[in-house]
């Protein structure tokens, strides 16, 4: 049996250091927002023949006054163009210019255009969605564990899960702050969906451990810390094998998937990895720390 709870100071110290580091990254660098949040247009093209260079593509579109044009290669044949919100006429003119420099034709994979007011509204609603998910999960866990009152009150299970989820979200956001600062990775609306999915996955894994603790408490001859450690060991294999299966799939999507879903897949992969860690090494140790603190008062 692994001594997970007995070494809780190590795990919580690692989590605390990561939390502080990525929280600092958020405050210092913030995010590189995509057009979903700032407003603008995104055009994704697949060239059938040899793909033109970035300079050739920029020169071809330079006379259209698209504003803030950025060109990003994707995969072997694709290119992603981002520019200010524009009209359908400008969209068609851009396609015509790109066809002129294509050596074997082209295919439009995606075109999205978002106004700045819609982007700000989406940003605000995304924050509300994440906040209400936090509250709903705490209320649900408190209700589900309402019959567990000793030695830790049911609402404390909910708060411990909330802390673990907040830990997961901040680290995931912090990683993307770093990626945006050094690699130009932008956040889009799919990223919000990924964060909400991470919250659901994280709390699911945490509840599995908490539920096993609830089952073991009435029949355990050990103290609370020993019971929690036993419960963690009983669910450890399931948690790791389930998460590893999901992560392998997501890594494959990140490597071989298209650019349009890479941010979503990467956010899920990072969040699920951190969420698995927090379910084992953060949420349950926090319960034990809380119980010990109450006993020593």
Protein backbone atom coordinates (compact mmCIF):
# COMPACT_ATOMS: atom_id res chain seq x y z
CA UNK A 1 0.00 0.00 0.00
CA UNK A 2 1.34 3.42 -1.01
CA UNK A 3 1.74 6.04 1.74
CA UNK A 4 0.02 8.85 -0.14
CA UNK A 5 -1.63 10.63 2.78
CA UNK A 6 1.41 10.20 5.01
CA UNK A 7 3.46 12.16 2.45
CA UNK A 8 0.78 14.79 1.91
CA UNK A 9 3.14 17.68 2.67
CA UNK A 10 5.20 16.77 -0.41
CA UNK A 11 2.18 16.56 -2.74
CA UNK A 12 0.59 19.73 -1.42
CA UNK A 13 3.91 21.58 -1.68
CA UNK A 14 4.26 20.56 -5.34
CA UNK A 15 0.69 21.68 -6.04
CA UNK A 16 1.20 24.93 -4.17
CA UNK A 17 4.38 25.74 -6.11
CA UNK A 18 2.70 25.02 -9.47
CA UNK A 19 -0.37 27.01 -8.48
CA UNK A 20 1.65 30.09 -7.48
CA UNK A 21 3.90 29.90 -10.57
CA UNK A 22 1.05 29.68 -13.07
CA UNK A 23 -1.08 32.21 -11.20
CA UNK A 24 1.85 34.62 -11.49
CA UNK A 25 2.03 33.88 -15.24
CA UNK A 26 -1.67 34.77 -15.55
CA UNK A 27 -1.18 38.12 -13.82
CA UNK A 28 2.02 38.98 -15.71
CA UNK A 29 1.19 37.83 -19.25
CA UNK A 30 -2.56 37.23 -19.34
CA UNK A 31 -3.90 35.48 -22.44
CA UNK A 32 -3.52 35.77 -26.16
CA UNK A 33 -7.20 36.02 -27.05
CA UNK A 34 -8.47 34.61 -30.34
CA UNK A 35 -11.00 36.27 -32.62
CA UNK A 36 -13.88 34.60 -30.73
CA UNK A 37 -13.17 37.03 -27.88
CA UNK A 38 -11.61 40.06 -29.58
CA UNK A 39 -13.58 40.12 -32.83
CA UNK A 40 -12.14 39.51 -36.28
CA UNK A 41 -12.03 36.88 -39.00
CA UNK A 42 -10.34 33.52 -39.31
CA UNK A 43 -9.80 31.86 -42.68
CA UNK A 44 -8.31 28.36 -42.91
CA UNK A 45 -7.15 27.21 -46.36
CA UNK A 46 -5.78 23.88 -47.62
CA UNK A 47 -3.54 24.22 -50.70
CA UNK A 48 -3.72 21.29 -53.12
CA UNK A 49 -0.25 21.72 -54.57
CA UNK A 50 2.83 23.22 -53.01
CA UNK A 51 1.91 25.59 -50.20
CA UNK A 52 3.05 29.20 -50.74
CA UNK A 53 5.39 30.78 -48.23
CA UNK A 54 4.16 33.12 -45.51
CA UNK A 55 5.75 36.07 -47.33
CA UNK A 56 3.98 35.16 -50.59
CA UNK A 57 0.62 34.92 -48.82
CA UNK A 58 1.12 38.23 -47.03
CA UNK A 59 2.12 39.99 -50.26
CA UNK A 60 -0.91 38.59 -52.07
CA UNK A 61 -3.29 39.99 -49.44
CA UNK A 62 -1.44 43.21 -48.70
CA UNK A 63 -3.59 45.36 -51.01
CA UNK A 64 -6.90 44.38 -49.38
CA UNK A 65 -6.42 46.44 -46.19
CA UNK A 66 -7.49 43.53 -43.99
CA UNK A 67 -5.77 45.00 -40.92
CA UNK A 68 -3.62 43.10 -38.37
CA UNK A 69 -3.10 40.22 -40.77
CA UNK A 70 -1.33 37.17 -39.35
CA UNK A 71 -0.50 34.07 -41.36
CA UNK A 72 0.16 30.74 -39.67
CA UNK A 73 1.14 27.46 -41.40
CA UNK A 74 -0.73 24.39 -40.13
CA UNK A 75 0.12 20.81 -40.96
CA UNK A 76 1.68 20.08 -44.33
CA UNK A 77 -0.71 21.91 -46.69
CA UNK A 78 -2.85 24.26 -44.59
CA UNK A 79 -2.62 27.94 -43.73
CA UNK A 80 -4.60 29.94 -41.17
CA UNK A 81 -5.22 33.66 -41.80
CA UNK A 82 -6.41 35.98 -39.02
CA UNK A 83 -7.44 39.57 -39.64
CA UNK A 84 -9.88 42.23 -38.50
CA UNK A 85 -13.61 41.71 -38.87
CA UNK A 86 -14.47 42.19 -42.52
CA UNK A 87 -17.21 41.88 -45.10
CA UNK A 88 -18.15 38.93 -47.25
CA UNK A 89 -16.85 40.87 -50.24
CA UNK A 90 -13.39 41.11 -48.67
CA UNK A 91 -13.60 37.41 -47.80
CA UNK A 92 -14.18 36.50 -51.44
CA UNK A 93 -11.45 38.90 -52.60
CA UNK A 94 -8.99 37.24 -50.20
CA UNK A 95 -9.91 33.81 -51.61
CA UNK A 96 -9.40 35.07 -55.16
CA UNK A 97 -5.96 36.48 -54.31
CA UNK A 98 -4.91 33.22 -52.66
CA UNK A 99 -6.09 31.22 -55.68
CA UNK A 100 -3.77 33.29 -57.84
CA UNK A 101 -0.70 32.19 -55.89
CA UNK A 102 -1.80 28.59 -55.36
CA UNK A 103 0.03 26.06 -57.52
CA UNK A 104 -2.70 23.44 -57.64
CA UNK A 105 -5.90 25.00 -56.35
CA UNK A 106 -7.13 25.40 -52.81
CA UNK A 107 -9.96 24.38 -50.50
CA UNK A 108 -11.53 26.56 -47.83
CA UNK A 109 -11.72 24.57 -44.60
CA UNK A 110 -13.14 27.24 -42.32
CA UNK A 111 -14.22 30.86 -42.21
CA UNK A 112 -15.43 32.56 -39.03
CA UNK A 113 -16.18 36.23 -38.50
CA UNK A 114 -16.99 37.67 -35.07
CA UNK A 115 -17.73 41.28 -34.13
CA UNK A 116 -15.93 42.84 -31.12
CA UNK A 117 -19.15 43.30 -29.11
CA UNK A 118 -20.01 39.62 -29.54
CA UNK A 119 -16.49 38.69 -28.46
CA UNK A 120 -16.77 40.70 -25.23
CA UNK A 121 -20.16 39.15 -24.48
CA UNK A 122 -18.74 35.66 -25.05
CA UNK A 123 -15.85 36.40 -22.68
CA UNK A 124 -18.27 37.55 -19.97
CA UNK A 125 -20.57 34.56 -20.40
CA UNK A 126 -17.60 32.19 -20.27
CA UNK A 127 -16.62 33.53 -16.84
CA UNK A 128 -20.22 33.17 -15.64
CA UNK A 129 -20.42 29.59 -16.92
CA UNK A 130 -17.26 28.52 -15.09
CA UNK A 131 -18.37 30.29 -11.87
CA UNK A 132 -21.81 28.64 -11.83
CA UNK A 133 -20.28 25.22 -12.54
CA UNK A 134 -18.09 25.68 -9.45
CA UNK A 135 -21.10 26.55 -7.28
CA UNK A 136 -23.29 23.74 -8.67
CA UNK A 137 -20.60 21.11 -8.07
CA UNK A 138 -20.03 22.21 -4.45
CA UNK A 139 -23.78 22.08 -3.75
CA UNK A 140 -24.08 18.66 -5.37
CA UNK A 141 -21.20 17.14 -3.38
CA UNK A 142 -22.50 18.64 -0.15
CA UNK A 143 -25.91 17.08 -0.85
CA UNK A 144 -24.49 13.71 -1.95
CA UNK A 145 -22.40 13.42 1.24
CA UNK A 146 -25.03 14.90 3.56
CA UNK A 147 -25.20 11.69 5.66
CA UNK A 148 -21.46 11.79 6.33
CA UNK A 149 -20.94 14.02 9.35
CA UNK A 150 -18.03 12.40 11.19
CA UNK A 151 -15.22 13.11 11.44
CA UNK A 152 -15.51 15.66 8.58
CA UNK A 153 -18.75 17.49 7.77
CA UNK A 154 -20.31 16.88 4.34
CA UNK A 155 -19.83 20.48 3.15
CA UNK A 156 -16.09 20.13 3.68
CA UNK A 157 -16.01 17.43 1.00
CA UNK A 158 -17.51 19.98 -1.36
CA UNK A 159 -15.01 22.70 -0.41
CA UNK A 160 -12.06 20.28 -0.79
CA UNK A 161 -13.30 19.32 -4.27
CA UNK A 162 -13.74 23.03 -5.07
CA UNK A 163 -10.14 23.81 -4.06
CA UNK A 164 -8.89 20.92 -6.20
CA UNK A 165 -10.94 22.14 -9.19
CA UNK A 166 -9.73 25.71 -8.74
CA UNK A 167 -6.18 24.35 -8.63
CA UNK A 168 -6.79 22.49 -11.92
CA UNK A 169 -8.30 25.50 -13.69
CA UNK A 170 -5.58 27.96 -12.62
CA UNK A 171 -2.77 25.62 -13.70
CA UNK A 172 -4.47 24.90 -17.04
CA UNK A 173 -5.05 28.61 -17.65
CA UNK A 174 -1.49 29.38 -16.57
CA UNK A 175 -0.04 26.87 -19.02
CA UNK A 176 -1.96 28.57 -21.84
CA UNK A 177 -0.78 31.96 -20.65
CA UNK A 178 2.80 30.70 -21.07
CA UNK A 179 1.98 29.11 -24.45
CA UNK A 180 0.36 32.34 -25.63
CA UNK A 181 3.34 34.42 -24.50
CA UNK A 182 6.07 32.28 -26.07
CA UNK A 183 4.33 30.28 -28.82
CA UNK A 184 1.43 32.50 -29.88
CA UNK A 185 -1.29 30.01 -28.86
CA UNK A 186 -4.66 31.78 -28.90
CA UNK A 187 -7.74 31.04 -26.81
CA UNK A 188 -11.05 30.48 -28.57
CA UNK A 189 -14.55 29.44 -27.55
CA UNK A 190 -13.57 25.75 -27.74
CA UNK A 191 -11.10 26.40 -24.92
CA UNK A 192 -13.99 27.34 -22.61
CA UNK A 193 -15.70 24.05 -23.44
CA UNK A 194 -12.44 22.26 -22.65
CA UNK A 195 -12.16 23.97 -19.24
CA UNK A 196 -15.75 23.02 -18.36
CA UNK A 197 -15.03 19.44 -19.43
CA UNK A 198 -11.91 19.40 -17.24
CA UNK A 199 -13.99 20.55 -14.26
CA UNK A 200 -16.46 17.73 -14.82
CA UNK A 201 -13.74 15.13 -15.24
CA UNK A 202 -11.81 16.34 -12.20
CA UNK A 203 -14.79 16.30 -9.87
CA UNK A 204 -15.85 12.89 -11.19
CA UNK A 205 -12.47 11.43 -10.25
CA UNK A 206 -12.55 13.17 -6.87
CA UNK A 207 -16.03 11.87 -6.05
CA UNK A 208 -14.91 8.30 -6.78
CA UNK A 209 -12.24 8.62 -4.08
CA UNK A 210 -14.57 10.42 -1.66
CA UNK A 211 -17.27 7.80 -2.17
CA UNK A 212 -14.84 4.99 -1.34
CA UNK A 213 -13.83 6.91 1.79
CA UNK A 214 -17.50 7.20 2.75
CA UNK A 215 -17.95 3.44 2.33
CA UNK A 216 -14.86 2.61 4.38
CA UNK A 217 -15.46 4.97 7.30
CA UNK A 218 -18.12 2.91 9.17
CA UNK A 219 -16.12 -0.35 8.98
CA UNK A 220 -12.57 0.93 9.31
CA UNK A 221 -10.47 0.34 12.43
CA UNK A 222 -7.92 2.96 11.36
CA UNK A 223 -7.91 6.68 12.03
CA UNK A 224 -9.28 9.10 9.44
CA UNK A 225 -5.92 9.55 7.69
CA UNK A 226 -5.42 5.79 7.45
CA UNK A 227 -8.94 5.27 6.09
CA UNK A 228 -8.47 7.95 3.43
CA UNK A 229 -5.11 6.48 2.44
CA UNK A 230 -6.66 3.02 2.13
CA UNK A 231 -9.47 4.44 -0.02
CA UNK A 232 -6.96 6.19 -2.29
CA UNK A 233 -5.02 2.98 -2.81
CA UNK A 234 -8.21 1.10 -3.63
CA UNK A 235 -9.12 3.57 -6.39
CA UNK A 236 -5.60 4.48 -7.55
CA UNK A 237 -5.34 1.89 -10.32
CA UNK A 238 -8.76 2.79 -11.72
CA UNK A 239 -8.02 6.52 -11.73
CA UNK A 240 -4.65 6.19 -13.44
CA UNK A 241 -5.74 3.63 -16.05
CA UNK A 242 -8.86 5.63 -16.98
CA UNK A 243 -6.94 8.90 -17.26
CA UNK A 244 -4.08 7.31 -19.20
CA UNK A 245 -6.50 5.90 -21.77
CA UNK A 246 -8.07 9.32 -22.29
CA UNK A 247 -4.68 11.07 -22.40
CA UNK A 248 -3.29 8.73 -25.06
CA UNK A 249 -6.28 9.53 -27.26
CA UNK A 250 -5.94 13.27 -26.70
CA UNK A 251 -2.19 13.25 -27.39
CA UNK A 252 -2.89 11.53 -30.71
CA UNK A 253 -5.47 14.22 -31.57
CA UNK A 254 -3.02 17.00 -30.59
CA UNK A 255 -0.28 15.53 -32.81
CA UNK A 256 -2.31 14.37 -35.80
CA UNK A 257 -5.51 16.45 -35.56
CA UNK A 258 -6.22 19.67 -37.39
CA UNK A 259 -5.24 23.10 -36.14
CA UNK A 260 -8.87 24.01 -35.48
CA UNK A 261 -9.21 21.43 -32.66
CA UNK A 262 -5.62 21.46 -31.38
CA UNK A 263 -6.25 24.07 -28.66
CA UNK A 264 -9.31 22.17 -27.42
CA UNK A 265 -7.45 18.84 -27.34
CA UNK A 266 -4.35 20.30 -25.69
CA UNK A 267 -6.43 22.01 -22.99
CA UNK A 268 -8.23 18.75 -22.28
CA UNK A 269 -4.97 16.80 -22.11
CA UNK A 270 -3.33 19.27 -19.69
CA UNK A 271 -6.47 19.65 -17.58
CA UNK A 272 -7.15 15.93 -17.28
CA UNK A 273 -3.52 15.23 -16.33
CA UNK A 274 -3.62 17.92 -13.62
CA UNK A 275 -7.14 16.86 -12.60
CA UNK A 276 -6.03 13.27 -12.04
CA UNK A 277 -3.13 14.51 -9.92
CA UNK A 278 -5.37 16.77 -7.83
CA UNK A 279 -8.00 14.06 -7.27
CA UNK A 280 -5.35 11.83 -5.71
CA UNK A 281 -2.81 14.20 -4.21
CA UNK A 282 -4.79 17.36 -3.39
CA UNK A 283 -8.49 16.80 -2.60
CA UNK A 284 -8.17 13.89 -0.16
CA UNK A 285 -5.04 15.21 1.61
CA UNK A 286 -6.92 18.49 2.15
CA UNK A 287 -9.67 16.58 3.96
CA UNK A 288 -7.07 15.03 6.27
CA UNK A 289 -5.36 18.38 6.89
CA UNK A 290 -8.74 19.94 7.70
CA UNK A 291 -9.61 17.10 10.09
CA UNK A 292 -6.24 17.31 11.87
CA UNK A 293 -6.55 21.07 12.18
CA UNK A 294 -9.97 20.70 13.83
CA UNK A 295 -8.61 18.08 16.24
CA UNK A 296 -5.72 20.29 17.26
CA UNK A 297 -7.82 23.39 17.95
